[in-house]
């Protein structure tokens, strides 16, 4: 549906005619430069040249409008540090000058690519521009094998969950890193060997066209290895959710957690007469674990069943039921402090019987 809307706009809007710019959609783009102990000045200069090549035809965002790319650069070895932040440069010329002025820092630290990838995913991409079509791309240069392959694999999985497209560029083939990238079966994770640093265009073509400038609504043939998102599949599951309700959690954090879990329940297809015994459970974790697991019974009078389930579980209905351990005012969400009903203080998870069918991608049952 999204691509249908985009195609309609492109076909009917005069501003969409002609050659499209790169990136096609607003993009948050992070580059990681390898500064570990085995990186020589010559090797570092090759990284810089490849980075500058990737920036050549890039449209840079000049403000917070949802178009163009915002660029950040980090340097990493065993630690990761900011070199250029998203908000530092809103014009291409000063951005390129800043990249040219980055100096290789001498260090005895070994390379930890996985740690750098996780730092970028958990920190730099923490605050990005708002927009449904905003893309997040992370391009890392590595001078060879890394000591933390397990961390690389974990980062790839985190990136997939956060909709971050990773690309790794190396001067030589590193089977362990390549294998870790292949764990992402969507094909969005790209590993490229830079074999001809003096003529990088051919080696970097796939990174540029299938990561930075990729258009999922107008797929290029060279990017055919990227899989289409799997359509949701209706399945019946036993779903367990865990909520921290200890005294340490703040009221706003607890309210946010309730809202998140409520939004999950809103996606459930609830029925009073299911074909199988699909169940929803909620565990409130504190100094002791309170646990409840029940099902909606056949024949129960369930009106607007999905909202009824959400209300029973997460306090969005007339019989709200979750609160932090002990019921202390300082730990209770503001809405409950103001006198909203709390279902008599029940902490046993699901506050009524229920049946649910959850929509999940195929194979993720």
Protein backbone atom coordinates (compact mmCIF):
# COMPACT_ATOMS: atom_id res chain seq x y z
CA UNK A 1 0.00 0.00 0.00
CA UNK A 2 2.82 2.44 0.84
CA UNK A 3 4.50 1.93 -2.53
CA UNK A 4 1.15 2.34 -4.28
CA UNK A 5 0.72 5.77 -2.69
CA UNK A 6 4.31 6.75 -3.56
CA UNK A 7 3.82 5.61 -7.17
CA UNK A 8 0.61 7.63 -7.41
CA UNK A 9 2.39 10.77 -6.17
CA UNK A 10 5.30 10.22 -8.55
CA UNK A 11 2.99 9.76 -11.51
CA UNK A 12 0.85 12.80 -10.75
CA UNK A 13 3.22 15.33 -9.17
CA UNK A 14 5.36 17.45 -11.51
CA UNK A 15 8.07 17.77 -8.86
CA UNK A 16 8.59 13.99 -8.99
CA UNK A 17 9.41 13.85 -12.69
CA UNK A 18 12.97 13.49 -13.95
CA UNK A 19 15.96 11.75 -12.41
CA UNK A 20 15.53 10.93 -8.73
CA UNK A 21 18.08 12.15 -6.22
CA UNK A 22 20.13 10.03 -3.83
CA UNK A 23 18.93 9.22 -1.26
CA UNK A 24 15.39 8.81 -2.56
CA UNK A 25 13.94 9.00 0.96
CA UNK A 26 15.13 11.01 3.98
CA UNK A 27 18.07 9.06 5.37
CA UNK A 28 20.09 9.05 8.58
CA UNK A 29 23.53 7.87 7.46
CA UNK A 30 26.40 6.89 9.77
CA UNK A 31 29.93 5.98 8.68
CA UNK A 32 32.34 4.10 10.94
CA UNK A 33 36.09 4.47 10.33
CA UNK A 34 38.46 1.77 11.60
CA UNK A 35 41.22 3.25 13.78
CA UNK A 36 42.49 0.07 15.46
CA UNK A 37 46.14 -0.79 15.99
CA UNK A 38 46.77 -2.44 12.58
CA UNK A 39 45.41 0.45 10.49
CA UNK A 40 48.28 2.19 8.72
CA UNK A 41 48.07 5.78 7.39
CA UNK A 42 47.78 4.33 3.87
CA UNK A 43 44.92 2.01 4.87
CA UNK A 44 43.15 4.86 6.64
CA UNK A 45 43.46 7.06 3.58
CA UNK A 46 41.79 4.32 1.52
CA UNK A 47 38.87 4.34 3.95
CA UNK A 48 38.60 8.12 3.67
CA UNK A 49 38.71 8.02 -0.14
CA UNK A 50 35.93 5.44 -0.23
CA UNK A 51 33.84 7.51 2.19
CA UNK A 52 34.30 10.63 0.05
CA UNK A 53 33.29 8.66 -3.04
CA UNK A 54 30.05 7.60 -1.33
CA UNK A 55 29.36 11.25 -0.48
CA UNK A 56 29.93 12.54 -4.03
CA UNK A 57 26.37 12.43 -5.39
CA UNK A 58 24.63 12.48 -2.03
CA UNK A 59 21.94 15.07 -1.35
CA UNK A 60 22.56 16.55 2.10
CA UNK A 61 19.67 17.63 4.33
CA UNK A 62 19.93 21.38 4.89
CA UNK A 63 17.28 21.45 7.64
CA UNK A 64 14.94 19.11 9.48
CA UNK A 65 12.61 18.70 6.52
CA UNK A 66 12.16 15.03 5.56
CA UNK A 67 14.47 14.96 2.56
CA UNK A 68 18.14 14.32 1.85
CA UNK A 69 20.68 12.67 4.14
CA UNK A 70 22.04 13.67 7.51
CA UNK A 71 25.57 12.33 7.94
CA UNK A 72 27.48 11.34 11.07
CA UNK A 73 30.95 9.78 11.32
CA UNK A 74 32.49 7.78 14.17
CA UNK A 75 35.95 6.32 14.70
CA UNK A 76 36.35 2.99 16.46
CA UNK A 77 38.86 0.48 17.77
CA UNK A 78 38.06 -1.10 21.13
CA UNK A 79 36.08 2.09 21.82
CA UNK A 80 33.85 4.26 19.67
CA UNK A 81 33.96 8.07 19.53
CA UNK A 82 32.06 10.75 17.65
CA UNK A 83 33.95 12.50 14.86
CA UNK A 84 31.04 14.24 13.09
CA UNK A 85 27.51 14.50 14.47
CA UNK A 86 24.27 14.74 12.51
CA UNK A 87 23.73 18.38 13.44
CA UNK A 88 27.31 19.53 12.67
CA UNK A 89 26.99 20.18 8.92
CA UNK A 90 23.98 21.09 6.76
CA UNK A 91 25.95 21.73 3.56
CA UNK A 92 27.98 19.27 1.54
CA UNK A 93 31.11 21.43 1.17
CA UNK A 94 31.81 21.84 4.91
CA UNK A 95 30.91 18.18 5.46
CA UNK A 96 33.48 17.03 2.91
CA UNK A 97 36.09 19.37 4.39
CA UNK A 98 35.41 17.92 7.82
CA UNK A 99 35.89 14.38 6.50
CA UNK A 100 39.17 15.38 4.85
CA UNK A 101 40.41 16.80 8.16
CA UNK A 102 39.80 13.62 10.17
CA UNK A 103 43.14 12.35 11.45
CA UNK A 104 44.09 8.75 12.23
CA UNK A 105 44.59 8.34 15.97
CA UNK A 106 47.40 6.09 17.12
CA UNK A 107 46.26 3.35 19.46
CA UNK A 108 47.22 -0.09 20.72
CA UNK A 109 43.58 -1.17 20.93
CA UNK A 110 42.36 -4.13 18.92
CA UNK A 111 39.41 -3.89 16.57
CA UNK A 112 35.94 -4.53 18.00
CA UNK A 113 33.59 -3.95 15.10
CA UNK A 114 30.58 -5.52 16.80
CA UNK A 115 30.85 -3.17 19.78
CA UNK A 116 31.05 -0.19 17.42
CA UNK A 117 27.97 -1.37 15.51
CA UNK A 118 25.97 -1.75 18.71
CA UNK A 119 27.10 1.69 19.92
CA UNK A 120 25.84 3.26 16.71
CA UNK A 121 22.52 1.41 16.85
CA UNK A 122 21.87 2.17 20.52
CA UNK A 123 23.17 5.76 20.67
CA UNK A 124 23.52 7.59 17.36
CA UNK A 125 20.26 6.25 15.93
CA UNK A 126 18.48 6.93 19.21
CA UNK A 127 17.24 10.30 17.95
CA UNK A 128 16.38 10.52 14.27
CA UNK A 129 14.07 12.66 12.19
CA UNK A 130 10.40 11.82 12.36
CA UNK A 131 8.83 10.43 9.23
CA UNK A 132 7.28 7.19 8.04
CA UNK A 133 9.74 6.78 5.18
CA UNK A 134 12.92 7.86 7.02
CA UNK A 135 15.66 5.26 6.45
CA UNK A 136 18.62 4.45 8.73
CA UNK A 137 21.85 3.24 7.13
CA UNK A 138 25.18 2.42 8.82
CA UNK A 139 28.34 1.88 6.74
CA UNK A 140 31.42 0.52 8.53
CA UNK A 141 34.96 0.24 7.22
CA UNK A 142 37.11 -2.53 8.67
CA UNK A 143 40.76 -3.31 8.01
CA UNK A 144 40.29 -7.03 8.62
CA UNK A 145 38.94 -9.61 11.05
CA UNK A 146 37.40 -8.55 14.34
CA UNK A 147 37.71 -10.16 17.77
CA UNK A 148 34.01 -9.93 18.59
CA UNK A 149 32.16 -11.94 15.93
CA UNK A 150 29.38 -12.78 18.40
CA UNK A 151 28.85 -9.05 18.98
CA UNK A 152 28.67 -8.48 15.21
CA UNK A 153 25.98 -11.15 14.94
CA UNK A 154 24.07 -9.58 17.84
CA UNK A 155 24.36 -6.17 16.17
CA UNK A 156 23.00 -7.53 12.88
CA UNK A 157 19.95 -8.90 14.68
CA UNK A 158 19.46 -5.61 16.55
CA UNK A 159 19.74 -3.67 13.31
CA UNK A 160 17.11 -5.86 11.70
CA UNK A 161 14.74 -5.20 14.61
CA UNK A 162 15.44 -1.44 14.46
CA UNK A 163 15.13 -1.24 10.65
CA UNK A 164 18.77 -0.17 10.26
CA UNK A 165 20.51 -1.20 7.04
CA UNK A 166 24.16 -2.20 7.72
CA UNK A 167 26.99 -2.36 5.20
CA UNK A 168 30.58 -3.40 5.94
CA UNK A 169 33.48 -2.57 3.61
CA UNK A 170 36.79 -4.40 3.93
CA UNK A 171 40.01 -4.45 1.85
CA UNK A 172 39.98 -8.25 2.00
CA UNK A 173 37.46 -11.05 2.38
CA UNK A 174 36.68 -11.88 6.01
CA UNK A 175 34.57 -15.09 6.03
CA UNK A 176 33.55 -14.76 9.69
CA UNK A 177 32.12 -11.27 9.19
CA UNK A 178 30.47 -12.25 5.92
CA UNK A 179 28.86 -15.24 7.61
CA UNK A 180 27.55 -13.06 10.44
CA UNK A 181 26.01 -10.69 7.89
CA UNK A 182 24.27 -13.61 6.17
CA UNK A 183 22.35 -14.30 9.38
CA UNK A 184 20.04 -11.52 8.19
CA UNK A 185 18.02 -13.51 5.68
CA UNK A 186 16.29 -10.37 4.35
CA UNK A 187 19.40 -9.55 2.30
CA UNK A 188 19.57 -5.99 3.67
CA UNK A 189 22.97 -6.56 5.32
CA UNK A 190 25.75 -6.02 2.78
CA UNK A 191 29.41 -7.08 2.95
CA UNK A 192 31.70 -5.67 0.25
CA UNK A 193 35.39 -6.17 -0.49
CA UNK A 194 37.21 -3.05 -1.70
CA UNK A 195 39.62 -4.70 -4.14
CA UNK A 196 40.59 -1.62 -6.17
CA UNK A 197 40.96 1.36 -3.82
CA UNK A 198 42.22 3.56 -6.66
CA UNK A 199 38.99 2.92 -8.61
CA UNK A 200 36.37 2.29 -5.90
CA UNK A 201 33.25 2.97 -7.98
CA UNK A 202 32.66 -0.63 -9.07
CA UNK A 203 33.36 -2.12 -5.63
CA UNK A 204 31.14 0.41 -3.85
CA UNK A 205 28.30 0.29 -6.35
CA UNK A 206 26.27 -2.24 -4.39
CA UNK A 207 26.66 -0.30 -1.12
CA UNK A 208 25.61 2.93 -2.80
CA UNK A 209 22.68 1.60 -4.84
CA UNK A 210 21.36 -1.10 -2.51
CA UNK A 211 21.92 0.54 0.88
CA UNK A 212 22.36 4.32 0.81
CA UNK A 213 20.25 5.12 -2.29
CA UNK A 214 17.98 2.06 -2.22
CA UNK A 215 14.37 2.57 -3.29
CA UNK A 216 12.16 -0.36 -2.19
CA UNK A 217 9.34 0.98 -4.38
CA UNK A 218 11.50 1.03 -7.52
CA UNK A 219 13.88 -1.88 -7.08
CA UNK A 220 17.00 -2.04 -9.23
CA UNK A 221 17.94 -5.40 -10.74
CA UNK A 222 21.31 -5.38 -8.97
CA UNK A 223 19.45 -5.26 -5.63
CA UNK A 224 17.31 -8.32 -6.35
CA UNK A 225 19.01 -10.15 -3.47
CA UNK A 226 17.00 -7.99 -1.01
CA UNK A 227 13.88 -9.88 0.01
CA UNK A 228 10.43 -8.33 0.03
CA UNK A 229 9.00 -7.93 3.57
CA UNK A 230 7.02 -11.02 4.52
CA UNK A 231 3.26 -10.54 4.58
CA UNK A 232 1.65 -10.98 8.02
CA UNK A 233 0.33 -14.46 8.68
CA UNK A 234 -2.54 -15.15 11.03
CA UNK A 235 -1.53 -17.72 13.63
CA UNK A 236 -2.69 -18.77 17.08
CA UNK A 237 -0.01 -18.44 19.76
CA UNK A 238 0.62 -18.44 23.48
CA UNK A 239 1.96 -14.93 24.10
CA UNK A 240 3.77 -14.02 27.34
CA UNK A 241 4.74 -10.42 28.16
CA UNK A 242 6.93 -9.32 31.08
CA UNK A 243 6.48 -5.95 32.80
CA UNK A 244 8.86 -4.46 35.36
CA UNK A 245 6.70 -3.29 38.27
CA UNK A 246 9.38 -2.86 40.92
CA UNK A 247 9.63 0.25 43.08
CA UNK A 248 12.65 1.49 41.10
CA UNK A 249 10.66 2.14 37.93
CA UNK A 250 9.50 5.74 37.49
CA UNK A 251 5.85 6.67 36.95
CA UNK A 252 6.39 7.94 33.39
CA UNK A 253 8.43 4.84 32.50
CA UNK A 254 5.69 2.59 33.84
CA UNK A 255 3.00 4.48 31.94
CA UNK A 256 5.04 4.18 28.74
CA UNK A 257 5.42 0.43 29.28
CA UNK A 258 1.67 0.08 29.77
CA UNK A 259 1.03 1.97 26.54
CA UNK A 260 3.50 -0.21 24.64
CA UNK A 261 1.99 -3.47 25.88
CA UNK A 262 -1.50 -2.13 25.22
CA UNK A 263 -0.55 -1.36 21.62
CA UNK A 264 0.64 -4.96 21.25
CA UNK A 265 -2.69 -6.29 22.51
CA UNK A 266 -4.54 -4.00 20.10
CA UNK A 267 -2.91 -5.99 17.26
CA UNK A 268 -4.43 -9.26 18.48
CA UNK A 269 -7.45 -10.68 16.72
CA UNK A 270 -9.61 -11.68 19.69
CA UNK A 271 -12.54 -14.06 19.33
CA UNK A 272 -14.94 -15.65 21.85
CA UNK A 273 -14.99 -18.83 19.76
CA UNK A 274 -11.46 -19.63 18.59
CA UNK A 275 -10.45 -22.73 16.73
CA UNK A 276 -7.50 -23.28 19.05
CA UNK A 277 -6.62 -22.34 22.60
CA UNK A 278 -4.55 -19.21 21.98
CA UNK A 279 -3.70 -17.49 25.24
CA UNK A 280 -2.19 -14.23 26.51
CA UNK A 281 -0.20 -14.02 29.74
CA UNK A 282 1.28 -11.09 31.62
CA UNK A 283 4.09 -11.39 34.16
CA UNK A 284 4.70 -8.47 36.52
CA UNK A 285 8.29 -8.72 37.67
CA UNK A 286 9.46 -7.18 40.97
CA UNK A 287 10.93 -8.75 44.10
CA UNK A 288 8.62 -11.67 43.43
CA UNK A 289 6.94 -12.73 40.21
CA UNK A 290 3.17 -12.49 39.88
CA UNK A 291 1.88 -14.57 37.00
CA UNK A 292 -1.47 -15.18 35.39
CA UNK A 293 -2.43 -17.20 32.32
CA UNK A 294 -6.05 -17.64 31.33
CA UNK A 295 -8.19 -17.83 28.21
CA UNK A 296 -11.42 -16.26 27.07
CA UNK A 297 -14.13 -18.85 27.54
CA UNK A 298 -16.45 -19.78 24.68
CA UNK A 299 -19.80 -18.10 25.02
CA UNK A 300 -18.55 -15.16 27.09
CA UNK A 301 -20.32 -11.94 26.18
CA UNK A 302 -17.38 -10.04 24.65
CA UNK A 303 -18.33 -6.73 23.08
CA UNK A 304 -15.57 -4.99 21.12
CA UNK A 305 -13.32 -7.90 22.15
CA UNK A 306 -9.97 -6.40 21.18
CA UNK A 307 -10.48 -3.26 23.27
CA UNK A 308 -11.89 -5.33 26.10
CA UNK A 309 -8.72 -7.42 26.16
CA UNK A 310 -6.51 -4.35 26.13
CA UNK A 311 -8.54 -2.77 28.89
CA UNK A 312 -8.39 -5.80 31.12
CA UNK A 313 -4.68 -6.19 30.63
CA UNK A 314 -3.25 -2.71 30.61
CA UNK A 315 -5.61 -0.27 32.21
CA UNK A 316 -7.14 1.22 29.06
CA UNK A 317 -10.68 0.15 29.95
CA UNK A 318 -12.97 0.66 32.93
CA UNK A 319 -11.35 -2.12 34.94
CA UNK A 320 -7.64 -1.20 34.77
CA UNK A 321 -5.45 -3.65 36.59
CA UNK A 322 -1.70 -2.93 36.58
CA UNK A 323 0.31 -1.01 39.12
CA UNK A 324 3.84 -1.13 40.56
CA UNK A 325 4.65 -3.30 43.56
CA UNK A 326 3.20 -2.11 46.85
CA UNK A 327 0.91 0.48 45.28
CA UNK A 328 3.09 3.34 46.52
CA UNK A 329 2.07 6.75 45.21
CA UNK A 330 5.57 7.56 44.03
CA UNK A 331 5.70 4.41 41.91
CA UNK A 332 2.15 4.53 40.59
CA UNK A 333 1.42 6.10 37.19
CA UNK A 334 -0.13 9.56 37.39
CA UNK A 335 -3.42 8.36 35.89
CA UNK A 336 -3.86 5.89 38.76
CA UNK A 337 -2.89 8.48 41.38
CA UNK A 338 -5.78 10.60 40.13
CA UNK A 339 -8.25 7.90 41.05
CA UNK A 340 -8.69 5.75 38.01
CA UNK A 341 -10.05 2.29 38.91
CA UNK A 342 -7.40 -0.38 39.46
CA UNK A 343 -9.50 -3.58 39.35
CA UNK A 344 -9.25 -4.08 43.06
CA UNK A 345 -5.48 -4.27 43.05
CA UNK A 346 -5.16 -7.53 41.13
CA UNK A 347 -1.60 -8.38 40.09
CA UNK A 348 -2.17 -11.75 38.53
CA UNK A 349 -1.67 -10.67 34.95
CA UNK A 350 -4.63 -11.21 32.64
CA UNK A 351 -7.76 -9.95 34.41
CA UNK A 352 -10.23 -12.08 32.50
CA UNK A 353 -10.49 -15.03 30.15
CA UNK A 354 -9.52 -14.42 26.54
CA UNK A 355 -8.77 -15.86 23.13
CA UNK A 356 -6.26 -14.27 20.75
CA UNK A 357 -4.81 -14.86 17.32
CA UNK A 358 -1.59 -12.91 16.69
CA UNK A 359 -0.48 -11.66 13.27
CA UNK A 360 3.19 -12.54 12.75
CA UNK A 361 5.52 -12.78 9.73
CA UNK A 362 5.53 -16.23 8.22
CA UNK A 363 7.74 -18.67 10.06
CA UNK A 364 7.96 -16.60 13.28
CA UNK A 365 5.54 -18.63 15.35
